[in-house]
Amino acid sequence: MKYVITGSTGHISKPLAETLIHAGHEVTVITSSNERVSAIEAMGAKAAVGSVTDIPFLTAAFTGADGVYTMVPPKWDAANWKEYIHSIGSNYAAAITGAGVKKVVNLSSIGAHMPEGCGPVSGLYGVEQELNALERTDVRHLRPGFFYYNFLSNIAMVKHMGIIGGNYGEHSSIAMVHTNDIAAAAAEELLNLSFSGKSVRYVVSDERTTDDVARVLGAAIGKPELPWVNFRDEDTLNALVQAGHTQEVAANYTEMGAAIASGAMMADYQKNKPAFSVIKLDDFASEFAAAYNAS
């Protein structure tokens, strides 16, 4: 089988590509950087260097594939982040049609049922709609939970302020996932190619409260009393800007956090809960501790 993977050597795309290669399949990995070609080839894959904004490039790369994995790479300087994300979905749809691809596994997110009000995830709503409009292509949307590794961005806060927090809500429950579990789910879908029509699969490794997050991660670094502090939206926005994010990105992340706090982001997930994947918050805590101690 021939597969095309977008996302270069990222947290999900790399282990996904490795799994497909180890299963004996031919894999092409799309990357925007010539510097990653050697790493891609070292895995045993073929590198296709180009931009996800280039429809002819994508069409050529997708041609002949039995299955394609699509994800929208981050663009931190987008003037309108949601619109940018949606536009990449439109590019993928055009290329999939031009290449005649029949099976697509698309990385989306919990909250992608929300056309507005969920920050960048509302951009992924647009991606889903673009792919759902394809007439002769089966699409499986993976909607993972909150990535564990996002908590790594809180390390400086923990070190310098003795707290961990966000605007996700006080005592809120968060559906979380390890990127390796997402890669495993994507590999399962691509290896089987048994999905048909347009469908959604939620991928979640654990569901815990923000207090649990503070307790588990705190214990892993020798701070068992580490508190979770819920921030106001305006304080979150200002902190993200001060950390170097653009106003556009900061506003979108703040909006997404507010959607977690209100429960809106998890509403459809709550109606369609999957069996949990392998890697729990307590397992991730060792990764958090290693990064904390190395910082």
Protein backbone atom coordinates (compact mmCIF):
# COMPACT_ATOMS: atom_id res chain seq x y z
CA MET A 1 0.00 0.00 0.00
CA LYS A 2 1.04 3.58 -0.61
CA TYR A 3 0.43 6.26 1.99
CA VAL A 4 1.05 10.00 2.09
CA ILE A 5 1.52 11.67 5.47
CA THR A 6 1.36 15.41 6.06
CA GLY A 7 2.91 16.98 9.15
CA SER A 8 6.57 16.25 8.43
CA THR A 9 8.38 14.77 11.48
CA GLY A 10 5.93 16.11 14.06
CA HIS A 11 4.71 14.52 17.29
CA ILE A 12 2.05 12.47 15.48
CA SER A 13 3.27 12.23 11.90
CA LYS A 14 6.67 10.73 12.72
CA PRO A 15 5.44 7.75 14.80
CA LEU A 16 2.57 7.28 12.35
CA ALA A 17 4.98 7.09 9.41
CA GLU A 18 7.27 4.74 11.33
CA THR A 19 4.38 2.37 12.09
CA LEU A 20 3.31 2.23 8.44
CA ILE A 21 6.88 1.69 7.26
CA HIS A 22 7.47 -1.10 9.80
CA ALA A 23 4.30 -2.75 8.49
CA GLY A 24 5.95 -2.91 5.05
CA HIS A 25 4.19 -0.07 3.27
CA GLU A 26 5.47 2.70 1.01
CA VAL A 27 5.25 6.07 2.74
CA THR A 28 5.73 9.61 1.46
CA VAL A 29 6.04 12.35 4.07
CA ILE A 30 5.25 15.92 3.11
CA THR A 31 7.49 18.55 4.64
CA SER A 32 8.02 22.25 4.05
CA SER A 33 11.70 22.07 5.00
CA ASN A 34 14.64 20.65 3.06
CA GLU A 35 16.38 20.31 6.42
CA ARG A 36 14.04 17.48 7.41
CA VAL A 37 14.59 15.39 4.28
CA SER A 38 17.46 13.38 5.75
CA ALA A 39 15.45 12.52 8.88
CA ILE A 40 12.49 11.44 6.76
CA GLU A 41 14.65 9.29 4.51
CA ALA A 42 16.37 7.77 7.56
CA MET A 43 12.96 6.43 8.63
CA GLY A 44 12.64 4.69 5.27
CA ALA A 45 10.14 7.13 3.80
CA LYS A 46 10.25 9.35 0.74
CA ALA A 47 10.24 13.10 1.35
CA ALA A 48 8.08 15.45 -0.70
CA VAL A 49 9.16 19.04 -0.09
CA GLY A 50 6.56 21.73 -0.63
CA SER A 51 3.85 23.83 0.92
CA VAL A 52 0.32 22.91 1.99
CA THR A 53 -0.72 26.19 0.36
CA ASP A 54 0.36 24.80 -3.03
CA ILE A 55 -2.52 22.78 -4.49
CA PRO A 56 -0.64 21.48 -7.58
CA PHE A 57 2.17 20.25 -5.30
CA LEU A 58 -0.29 18.52 -2.98
CA THR A 59 -2.16 16.97 -5.91
CA ALA A 60 1.06 15.52 -7.33
CA ALA A 61 2.11 14.23 -3.90
CA PHE A 62 -1.28 12.60 -3.24
CA THR A 63 -1.55 10.93 -6.66
CA GLY A 64 -1.39 7.15 -6.43
CA ALA A 65 -1.91 7.02 -2.67
CA ASP A 66 -4.16 4.35 -1.18
CA GLY A 67 -4.59 6.51 1.91
CA VAL A 68 -3.70 10.05 2.98
CA TYR A 69 -3.27 11.52 6.46
CA THR A 70 -4.06 15.22 6.62
CA MET A 71 -3.28 17.73 9.35
CA VAL A 72 -2.99 21.51 9.35
CA PRO A 73 0.51 22.68 10.31
CA PRO A 74 0.65 25.62 12.72
CA LYS A 75 1.15 29.10 11.33
CA TRP A 76 1.94 31.44 14.18
CA ASP A 77 1.87 34.63 12.12
CA ALA A 78 -1.54 34.13 10.46
CA ALA A 79 -3.56 37.34 10.30
CA ASN A 80 -6.77 35.33 10.72
CA TRP A 81 -5.90 31.96 12.25
CA LYS A 82 -9.29 30.29 11.84
CA GLU A 83 -9.48 31.40 8.21
CA TYR A 84 -5.96 30.10 7.53
CA ILE A 85 -6.77 26.69 9.03
CA HIS A 86 -9.98 26.48 7.00
CA SER A 87 -8.09 27.43 3.83
CA ILE A 88 -5.68 24.51 4.22
CA GLY A 89 -8.68 22.20 4.46
CA SER A 90 -9.91 23.66 1.19
CA ASN A 91 -6.49 23.04 -0.36
CA TYR A 92 -6.51 19.44 0.82
CA ALA A 93 -9.99 18.90 -0.58
CA ALA A 94 -8.97 20.25 -3.99
CA ALA A 95 -5.82 18.11 -4.07
CA ILE A 96 -7.67 14.98 -2.92
CA THR A 97 -10.19 15.48 -5.72
CA GLY A 98 -7.50 16.15 -8.31
CA ALA A 99 -5.48 13.10 -7.24
CA GLY A 100 -8.50 10.81 -6.96
CA VAL A 101 -7.73 9.78 -3.38
CA LYS A 102 -10.39 7.46 -1.96
CA LYS A 103 -9.44 7.22 1.74
CA VAL A 104 -8.43 10.07 4.07
CA VAL A 105 -7.70 10.14 7.78
CA ASN A 106 -7.90 13.72 8.99
CA LEU A 107 -6.54 15.12 12.24
CA SER A 108 -9.20 17.31 13.81
CA SER A 109 -9.96 17.96 17.49
CA ILE A 110 -12.50 17.68 20.25
CA GLY A 111 -14.60 20.81 19.81
CA ALA A 112 -14.65 20.66 16.00
CA HIS A 113 -18.45 20.51 16.15
CA MET A 114 -18.28 24.26 16.94
CA PRO A 115 -18.27 26.56 13.89
CA GLU A 116 -17.50 29.49 16.21
CA GLY A 117 -16.27 30.05 19.73
CA CYS A 118 -13.51 27.45 20.04
CA GLY A 119 -10.42 29.29 18.81
CA PRO A 120 -8.29 27.38 16.28
CA VAL A 121 -10.55 24.35 16.65
CA SER A 122 -13.35 26.29 14.97
CA GLY A 123 -10.94 26.50 12.02
CA LEU A 124 -10.82 22.70 12.10
CA TYR A 125 -14.63 22.71 11.89
CA GLY A 126 -14.12 24.34 8.50
CA VAL A 127 -11.59 21.68 7.50
CA GLU A 128 -14.05 18.93 8.37
CA GLN A 129 -16.76 20.60 6.30
CA GLU A 130 -14.46 20.88 3.28
CA LEU A 131 -13.56 17.19 3.46
CA ASN A 132 -17.15 16.16 4.16
CA ALA A 133 -18.18 17.79 0.88
CA LEU A 134 -15.98 15.37 -1.12
CA GLU A 135 -18.30 13.11 -3.11
CA ARG A 136 -16.09 10.11 -3.84
CA THR A 137 -13.78 10.01 -0.83
CA ASP A 138 -14.24 8.29 2.52
CA VAL A 139 -13.02 10.42 5.43
CA ARG A 140 -12.33 9.47 9.03
CA HIS A 141 -11.93 12.54 11.26
CA LEU A 142 -9.85 11.94 14.37
CA ARG A 143 -10.92 14.25 17.19
CA PRO A 144 -8.30 13.96 19.93
CA GLY A 145 -8.44 15.56 23.33
CA PHE A 146 -6.13 18.17 24.85
CA PHE A 147 -2.52 17.18 24.16
CA TYR A 148 -0.59 16.32 27.33
CA TYR A 149 2.50 18.02 25.97
CA ASN A 150 0.70 21.37 26.06
CA PHE A 151 1.35 21.28 29.80
CA LEU A 152 5.08 21.57 29.09
CA SER A 153 4.47 25.24 28.31
CA ASN A 154 3.57 25.67 32.00
CA ILE A 155 7.00 24.64 33.26
CA ALA A 156 8.28 28.21 33.62
CA MET A 157 5.10 29.11 35.55
CA VAL A 158 5.61 26.19 37.90
CA LYS A 159 9.28 27.02 38.45
CA HIS A 160 8.94 30.76 38.95
CA MET A 161 5.44 31.15 40.42
CA GLY A 162 4.86 27.82 42.15
CA ILE A 163 1.52 27.29 40.41
CA ILE A 164 0.09 25.70 37.29
CA GLY A 165 -3.03 26.99 35.60
CA GLY A 166 -5.00 28.37 32.70
CA ASN A 167 -8.45 29.68 31.89
CA TYR A 168 -9.89 26.17 31.49
CA GLY A 169 -12.16 26.57 34.52
CA GLU A 170 -11.86 25.81 38.22
CA HIS A 171 -12.10 22.05 38.92
CA SER A 172 -12.98 21.52 35.24
CA SER A 173 -12.72 18.08 33.66
CA ILE A 174 -10.45 17.85 30.62
CA ALA A 175 -10.28 15.01 28.10
CA MET A 176 -6.57 14.56 27.36
CA VAL A 177 -4.44 12.48 25.05
CA HIS A 178 -0.87 11.50 24.32
CA THR A 179 0.25 12.14 20.76
CA ASN A 180 1.56 8.56 20.53
CA ASP A 181 -1.99 7.35 21.13
CA ILE A 182 -3.23 9.60 18.32
CA ALA A 183 -0.55 8.19 16.01
CA ALA A 184 -1.63 4.65 16.94
CA ALA A 185 -5.27 5.46 16.14
CA ALA A 186 -4.32 7.02 12.80
CA ALA A 187 -2.18 3.99 11.95
CA GLU A 188 -5.03 1.63 12.78
CA GLU A 189 -7.40 3.52 10.49
CA LEU A 190 -4.91 3.69 7.62
CA LEU A 191 -3.79 0.08 7.87
CA ASN A 192 -7.38 -1.18 7.85
CA LEU A 193 -8.98 1.42 5.52
CA SER A 194 -12.33 -0.06 6.58
CA PHE A 195 -14.11 3.24 7.24
CA SER A 196 -16.65 4.50 4.76
CA GLY A 197 -18.55 7.73 4.22
CA LYS A 198 -17.75 10.58 6.59
CA SER A 199 -17.25 9.69 10.24
CA VAL A 200 -15.70 10.89 13.51
CA ARG A 201 -13.51 9.00 15.96
CA TYR A 202 -12.68 10.54 19.32
CA VAL A 203 -9.22 9.72 20.68
CA VAL A 204 -8.73 10.27 24.42
CA SER A 205 -6.20 8.72 26.79
CA ASP A 206 -7.52 10.06 30.10
CA GLU A 207 -10.11 12.43 31.54
CA ARG A 208 -9.12 14.29 34.70
CA THR A 209 -9.89 17.51 36.52
CA THR A 210 -7.55 20.47 36.52
CA ASP A 211 -6.93 19.74 40.22
CA ASP A 212 -5.84 16.22 39.26
CA VAL A 213 -3.44 17.66 36.68
CA ALA A 214 -1.79 19.85 39.31
CA ARG A 215 -1.60 17.00 41.82
CA VAL A 216 -0.17 14.40 39.45
CA LEU A 217 2.33 16.65 37.71
CA GLY A 218 3.28 18.30 40.99
CA ALA A 219 3.98 14.95 42.65
CA ALA A 220 6.21 13.97 39.73
CA ILE A 221 8.48 16.97 40.33
CA GLY A 222 8.49 16.84 44.11
CA LYS A 223 5.79 19.50 44.57
CA PRO A 224 2.77 17.47 45.76
CA GLU A 225 0.96 20.62 46.93
CA LEU A 226 1.22 22.34 43.53
CA PRO A 227 -2.08 24.21 43.06
CA TRP A 228 -4.12 24.68 39.90
CA VAL A 229 -5.01 28.35 39.51
CA ASN A 230 -7.82 29.37 37.19
CA PHE A 231 -7.06 32.59 35.32
CA ARG A 232 -9.47 35.16 33.98
CA ASP A 233 -9.69 35.27 30.19
CA GLU A 234 -8.17 38.75 30.02
CA ASP A 235 -5.22 37.67 32.17
CA THR A 236 -4.68 34.64 29.96
CA LEU A 237 -4.74 36.79 26.84
CA ASN A 238 -2.21 39.22 28.27
CA ALA A 239 0.07 36.45 29.50
CA LEU A 240 0.10 34.77 26.08
CA VAL A 241 0.98 38.05 24.38
CA GLN A 242 3.74 38.67 26.91
CA ALA A 243 5.04 35.17 26.19
CA GLY A 244 5.54 36.15 22.55
CA HIS A 245 2.34 35.08 20.82
CA THR A 246 0.64 37.43 18.40
CA GLN A 247 -2.61 39.03 19.49
CA GLU A 248 -4.45 36.82 16.97
CA VAL A 249 -3.00 33.56 18.30
CA ALA A 250 -3.37 34.64 21.93
CA ALA A 251 -7.02 35.57 21.39
CA ASN A 252 -7.76 32.22 19.75
CA TYR A 253 -6.08 30.20 22.51
CA THR A 254 -7.97 32.23 25.12
CA GLU A 255 -11.25 31.54 23.31
CA MET A 256 -10.49 27.82 23.25
CA GLY A 257 -9.73 27.81 26.97
CA ALA A 258 -13.03 29.54 27.65
CA ALA A 259 -14.80 26.85 25.59
CA ILE A 260 -13.22 24.19 27.82
CA ALA A 261 -14.32 26.08 30.94
CA SER A 262 -17.92 26.41 29.75
CA GLY A 263 -18.14 22.75 28.71
CA ALA A 264 -19.01 23.70 25.12
CA MET A 265 -15.81 22.24 23.69
CA MET A 266 -16.48 18.81 25.20
CA ALA A 267 -20.25 18.73 24.54
CA ASP A 268 -20.24 16.39 21.53
CA TYR A 269 -17.45 14.26 23.00
CA GLN A 270 -19.54 13.72 26.13
CA LYS A 271 -22.24 12.18 23.93
CA ASN A 272 -19.79 9.96 22.04
CA LYS A 273 -17.12 8.90 24.53
CA PRO A 274 -14.66 6.29 23.23
CA ALA A 275 -12.75 3.67 25.16
CA PHE A 276 -9.68 5.39 26.56
CA SER A 277 -6.31 4.86 24.91
CA VAL A 278 -3.19 3.56 26.61
CA ILE A 279 -1.11 6.45 27.99
CA LYS A 280 -2.58 8.01 31.13
CA LEU A 281 -1.81 11.33 32.83
CA ASP A 282 0.27 9.48 35.44
CA ASP A 283 2.38 8.01 32.60
CA PHE A 284 2.91 11.42 31.03
CA ALA A 285 3.99 12.81 34.41
CA SER A 286 7.42 11.21 33.98
CA GLU A 287 7.86 13.06 30.67
CA PHE A 288 6.80 16.29 32.36
CA ALA A 289 9.29 15.71 35.16
CA ALA A 290 12.12 15.02 32.73
CA ALA A 291 11.41 18.24 30.83
CA TYR A 292 11.03 20.17 34.10
CA ASN A 293 14.35 18.91 35.45
CA ALA A 294 16.11 19.63 32.16
CA SER A 295 14.84 23.22 31.96
